[in-house]
Amino acid sequence: MFFKRNNYNSKAKKLPRPVHEYMRHRFIFLSEYLDTLRCFEYNEVVNGKKVRCVRIFSPYRAEEQHLSIRSRVDLEQHPEMLLFEGYIDRQGSVYVADRRPPLRPVKAKSS
């Protein structure tokens, strides 16, 4: 039930509840913001474990850029739209990494 077959053309969905809760606590996001995000889910093996991967984006941000993200393939063609990615393992543990670009470039200081 938890694991479904990979589908590159599946539609974007609301965040799964465990991911929503993890991000609310980990990144201190408001639920209202998280409700606007969408994700694509697919099966993958990470570090030898079967997991349910999630790739998260903002449809509003895509619209501002005049892009249409309707499938996982579309998101892969526009990696700049990816905000977060992570997975849920079989035990229900969640991990999400922040993939947002920095707000401004940071120069390294020379010694």
Protein backbone atom coordinates (compact mmCIF):
# COMPACT_ATOMS: atom_id res chain seq x y z
CA MET A 1 0.00 0.00 0.00
CA PHE A 2 2.79 2.45 0.93
CA PHE A 3 4.96 1.74 -2.11
CA LYS A 4 3.58 2.24 -5.57
CA ARG A 5 5.29 1.83 -8.90
CA ASN A 6 7.31 4.70 -10.35
CA ASN A 7 5.29 6.96 -12.57
CA TYR A 8 7.04 9.81 -14.34
CA ASN A 9 3.76 11.27 -15.54
CA SER A 10 1.89 11.27 -12.25
CA LYS A 11 0.25 14.49 -11.15
CA ALA A 12 1.59 16.73 -8.41
CA LYS A 13 0.00 16.17 -5.01
CA LYS A 14 -0.20 17.94 -1.68
CA LEU A 15 2.60 17.05 0.70
CA PRO A 16 2.10 13.76 2.53
CA ARG A 17 1.13 14.43 6.16
CA PRO A 18 4.44 13.09 7.61
CA VAL A 19 6.44 15.35 5.27
CA HIS A 20 4.19 18.32 6.08
CA GLU A 21 4.73 17.82 9.81
CA TYR A 22 8.47 17.24 9.46
CA MET A 23 8.92 20.45 7.46
CA ARG A 24 6.73 22.44 9.85
CA HIS A 25 9.00 21.47 12.74
CA ARG A 26 12.39 21.23 10.98
CA PHE A 27 12.16 24.44 8.92
CA ILE A 28 9.61 26.24 11.13
CA PHE A 29 7.23 26.85 8.21
CA LEU A 30 3.61 27.86 8.63
CA SER A 31 1.06 25.20 7.67
CA GLU A 32 -0.52 27.70 5.27
CA TYR A 33 2.74 27.93 3.30
CA LEU A 34 3.22 24.16 3.26
CA ASP A 35 -0.34 23.75 1.98
CA THR A 36 0.63 25.73 -1.15
CA LEU A 37 3.51 23.40 -2.02
CA ARG A 38 3.15 20.35 -4.25
CA CYS A 39 5.25 17.24 -4.69
CA PHE A 40 5.89 14.25 -6.88
CA GLU A 41 6.34 10.90 -5.17
CA TYR A 42 8.21 7.86 -6.48
CA ASN A 43 9.96 4.71 -5.25
CA GLU A 44 13.72 4.63 -4.95
CA VAL A 45 16.53 2.88 -3.08
CA VAL A 46 18.58 5.18 -0.82
CA ASN A 47 21.56 3.75 1.09
CA GLY A 48 20.27 0.25 0.43
CA LYS A 49 16.76 1.03 1.80
CA LYS A 50 13.56 1.11 -0.22
CA VAL A 51 12.01 4.54 0.31
CA ARG A 52 9.26 6.77 -1.03
CA CYS A 53 11.02 9.86 -2.46
CA VAL A 54 9.39 13.28 -2.62
CA ARG A 55 10.41 16.24 -4.77
CA ILE A 56 8.77 19.47 -3.64
CA PHE A 57 8.08 22.65 -5.61
CA SER A 58 5.85 25.70 -5.57
CA PRO A 59 3.30 25.86 -8.39
CA TYR A 60 2.97 29.61 -7.74
CA ARG A 61 6.70 30.17 -8.20
CA ALA A 62 6.60 28.13 -11.42
CA GLU A 63 3.67 30.21 -12.65
CA GLU A 64 5.60 33.41 -11.93
CA GLN A 65 8.37 32.06 -14.17
CA HIS A 66 5.78 31.18 -16.86
CA LEU A 67 6.48 27.47 -16.44
CA SER A 68 4.03 24.61 -16.27
CA ILE A 69 5.10 21.79 -13.95
CA ARG A 70 2.59 19.00 -14.58
CA SER A 71 4.80 15.93 -14.15
CA ARG A 72 8.05 14.79 -12.58
CA VAL A 73 9.67 15.05 -16.02
CA ASP A 74 8.73 18.75 -16.18
CA LEU A 75 10.33 19.32 -12.77
CA GLU A 76 13.49 17.51 -13.87
CA GLN A 77 13.66 19.77 -16.93
CA HIS A 78 13.52 22.84 -14.64
CA PRO A 79 15.70 21.94 -11.63
CA GLU A 80 15.66 25.58 -10.47
CA MET A 81 12.02 25.01 -9.44
CA LEU A 82 12.96 22.25 -6.97
CA LEU A 83 12.70 23.63 -3.42
CA PHE A 84 13.11 20.49 -1.28
CA GLU A 85 13.62 16.78 -1.76
CA GLY A 86 13.68 13.85 0.56
CA TYR A 87 12.10 10.55 1.43
CA ILE A 88 9.94 8.53 3.78
CA ASP A 89 11.31 5.12 4.73
CA ARG A 90 9.30 1.98 5.48
CA GLN A 91 9.28 2.78 9.20
CA GLY A 92 7.71 6.18 8.50
CA SER A 93 10.85 8.21 9.25
CA VAL A 94 11.11 11.36 7.15
CA TYR A 95 14.15 13.22 5.82
CA VAL A 96 13.89 16.39 3.72
CA ALA A 97 16.80 18.47 2.36
CA ASP A 98 16.56 22.14 1.48
CA ARG A 99 17.39 22.67 -2.21
CA ARG A 100 16.48 26.36 -2.41
CA PRO A 101 19.18 28.59 -3.89
CA PRO A 102 20.82 31.11 -1.54
CA LEU A 103 19.08 34.47 -1.35
CA ARG A 104 22.21 36.25 -2.47
CA PRO A 105 25.63 35.11 -3.62
CA VAL A 106 28.21 34.93 -0.88
CA LYS A 107 31.84 35.66 -1.71
CA ALA A 108 34.54 33.72 0.06
CA LYS A 109 36.91 35.93 2.01
CA SER A 110 40.51 35.83 0.90
CA SER A 111 43.20 35.62 3.57
